[in-house]
Amino acid sequence: MVEIEQAQRDRNLNTSIAIVGIGLATSQIASSVIVAQQTPPKDIPFYQTQAFWCSIGTGAIASLVFWIILTKILPWLRHEI
């Protein structure tokens, strides 16, 4: 019983790490693309730029989508098969 609980916790940890990693990677890609298209002015802090907020939003949306896939859709598909 203890081993089953440990395996479940490990699976949850792996899922959480995957979701965070995907969000960070997507955010970085979006930020790089936006900054390459339009360089921000030097006198504006990075957290006030459009690139920063677009990359945060993109990362959050990607994390939400993959959270839904990994925690809701995949377990449902496994039970169907």
C-alpha atoms as a PDB file:
ATOM      1  CA  MET A   1       0.000   0.000   0.000  1.00  0.00           C
ATOM      2  CA  VAL A   2       2.848   2.373   0.847  1.00  0.00           C
ATOM      3  CA  GLU A   3       4.560   1.671  -2.474  1.00  0.00           C
ATOM      4  CA  ILE A   4       1.359   2.457  -4.363  1.00  0.00           C
ATOM      5  CA  GLU A   5       1.018   5.792  -2.556  1.00  0.00           C
ATOM      6  CA  GLN A   6       4.693   6.585  -3.250  1.00  0.00           C
ATOM      7  CA  ALA A   7       4.226   5.795  -6.954  1.00  0.00           C
ATOM      8  CA  GLN A   8       1.168   8.083  -7.056  1.00  0.00           C
ATOM      9  CA  ARG A   9       3.119  10.944  -5.440  1.00  0.00           C
ATOM     10  CA  ASP A  10       5.985  10.417  -7.890  1.00  0.00           C
ATOM     11  CA  ARG A  11       3.546  10.535 -10.804  1.00  0.00           C
ATOM     12  CA  ASN A  12       1.996  13.753  -9.469  1.00  0.00           C
ATOM     13  CA  LEU A  13       5.453  15.310  -9.048  1.00  0.00           C
ATOM     14  CA  ASN A  14       6.445  14.329 -12.592  1.00  0.00           C
ATOM     15  CA  THR A  15       3.213  15.815 -13.939  1.00  0.00           C
ATOM     16  CA  SER A  16       3.779  19.073 -12.045  1.00  0.00           C
ATOM     17  CA  ILE A  17       7.359  19.342 -13.287  1.00  0.00           C
ATOM     18  CA  ALA A  18       6.236  18.708 -16.872  1.00  0.00           C
ATOM     19  CA  ILE A  19       3.538  21.384 -16.661  1.00  0.00           C
ATOM     20  CA  VAL A  20       5.908  23.986 -15.223  1.00  0.00           C
ATOM     21  CA  GLY A  21       8.600  23.122 -17.768  1.00  0.00           C
ATOM     22  CA  ILE A  22       6.223  23.476 -20.688  1.00  0.00           C
ATOM     23  CA  GLY A  23       4.970  26.820 -19.375  1.00  0.00           C
ATOM     24  CA  LEU A  24       8.493  28.170 -18.926  1.00  0.00           C
ATOM     25  CA  ALA A  25       9.651  26.946 -22.330  1.00  0.00           C
ATOM     26  CA  THR A  26       6.631  28.417 -24.096  1.00  0.00           C
ATOM     27  CA  SER A  27       7.051  31.699 -22.254  1.00  0.00           C
ATOM     28  CA  GLN A  28      10.718  31.912 -23.252  1.00  0.00           C
ATOM     29  CA  ILE A  29       9.976  31.180 -26.896  1.00  0.00           C
ATOM     30  CA  ALA A  30       7.223  33.798 -27.011  1.00  0.00           C
ATOM     31  CA  SER A  31       9.455  36.365 -25.330  1.00  0.00           C
ATOM     32  CA  SER A  32      12.317  35.726 -27.753  1.00  0.00           C
ATOM     33  CA  VAL A  33      10.067  36.079 -30.772  1.00  0.00           C
ATOM     34  CA  ILE A  34       8.444  39.292 -29.544  1.00  0.00           C
ATOM     35  CA  VAL A  35      11.744  40.933 -28.548  1.00  0.00           C
ATOM     36  CA  ALA A  36      13.305  39.966 -31.893  1.00  0.00           C
ATOM     37  CA  GLN A  37      10.444  41.685 -33.714  1.00  0.00           C
ATOM     38  CA  GLN A  38      10.485  44.910 -31.714  1.00  0.00           C
ATOM     39  CA  THR A  39      13.289  45.992 -29.408  1.00  0.00           C
ATOM     40  CA  PRO A  40      11.973  47.628 -26.204  1.00  0.00           C
ATOM     41  CA  PRO A  41      13.069  51.169 -25.352  1.00  0.00           C
ATOM     42  CA  LYS A  42      16.023  51.413 -22.961  1.00  0.00           C
ATOM     43  CA  ASP A  43      14.243  53.649 -20.440  1.00  0.00           C
ATOM     44  CA  ILE A  44      11.353  51.205 -19.769  1.00  0.00           C
ATOM     45  CA  PRO A  45      11.860  48.380 -17.220  1.00  0.00           C
ATOM     46  CA  PHE A  46      11.455  44.868 -18.645  1.00  0.00           C
ATOM     47  CA  TYR A  47       8.325  44.134 -16.575  1.00  0.00           C
ATOM     48  CA  GLN A  48       6.495  47.042 -18.222  1.00  0.00           C
ATOM     49  CA  THR A  49       7.046  45.831 -21.773  1.00  0.00           C
ATOM     50  CA  GLN A  50       4.498  44.121 -23.970  1.00  0.00           C
ATOM     51  CA  ALA A  51       6.936  41.260 -24.597  1.00  0.00           C
ATOM     52  CA  PHE A  52       7.087  40.431 -20.886  1.00  0.00           C
ATOM     53  CA  TRP A  53       3.323  40.284 -20.404  1.00  0.00           C
ATOM     54  CA  CYS A  54       2.705  38.420 -23.659  1.00  0.00           C
ATOM     55  CA  SER A  55       5.300  35.804 -22.714  1.00  0.00           C
ATOM     56  CA  ILE A  56       3.792  35.418 -19.217  1.00  0.00           C
ATOM     57  CA  GLY A  57       0.322  35.022 -20.732  1.00  0.00           C
ATOM     58  CA  THR A  58       1.506  32.539 -23.337  1.00  0.00           C
ATOM     59  CA  GLY A  59       3.283  30.458 -20.697  1.00  0.00           C
ATOM     60  CA  ALA A  60       0.241  30.475 -18.427  1.00  0.00           C
ATOM     61  CA  ILE A  61      -2.071  29.399 -21.245  1.00  0.00           C
ATOM     62  CA  ALA A  62       0.306  26.627 -22.333  1.00  0.00           C
ATOM     63  CA  SER A  63       0.589  25.398 -18.739  1.00  0.00           C
ATOM     64  CA  LEU A  64      -3.197  25.367 -18.368  1.00  0.00           C
ATOM     65  CA  VAL A  65      -3.690  23.455 -21.623  1.00  0.00           C
ATOM     66  CA  PHE A  66      -1.093  20.824 -20.716  1.00  0.00           C
ATOM     67  CA  TRP A  67      -2.443  20.560 -17.162  1.00  0.00           C
ATOM     68  CA  ILE A  68      -5.850  19.736 -18.618  1.00  0.00           C
ATOM     69  CA  ILE A  69      -4.319  17.204 -21.006  1.00  0.00           C
ATOM     70  CA  LEU A  70      -2.132  15.488 -18.399  1.00  0.00           C
ATOM     71  CA  THR A  71      -4.577  15.434 -15.499  1.00  0.00           C
ATOM     72  CA  LYS A  72      -7.998  15.176 -17.144  1.00  0.00           C
ATOM     73  CA  ILE A  73      -7.792  13.808 -20.680  1.00  0.00           C
ATOM     74  CA  LEU A  74      -5.016  11.197 -20.434  1.00  0.00           C
ATOM     75  CA  PRO A  75      -6.421   9.464 -17.327  1.00  0.00           C
ATOM     76  CA  TRP A  76      -9.840   9.409 -18.980  1.00  0.00           C
ATOM     77  CA  LEU A  77      -8.360   7.856 -22.141  1.00  0.00           C
ATOM     78  CA  ARG A  78      -6.545   5.200 -20.104  1.00  0.00           C
ATOM     79  CA  HIS A  79      -9.814   4.126 -18.504  1.00  0.00           C
ATOM     80  CA  GLU A  80     -11.543   3.946 -21.889  1.00  0.00           C
ATOM     81  CA  ILE A  81      -8.995   1.550 -23.377  1.00  0.00           C
END
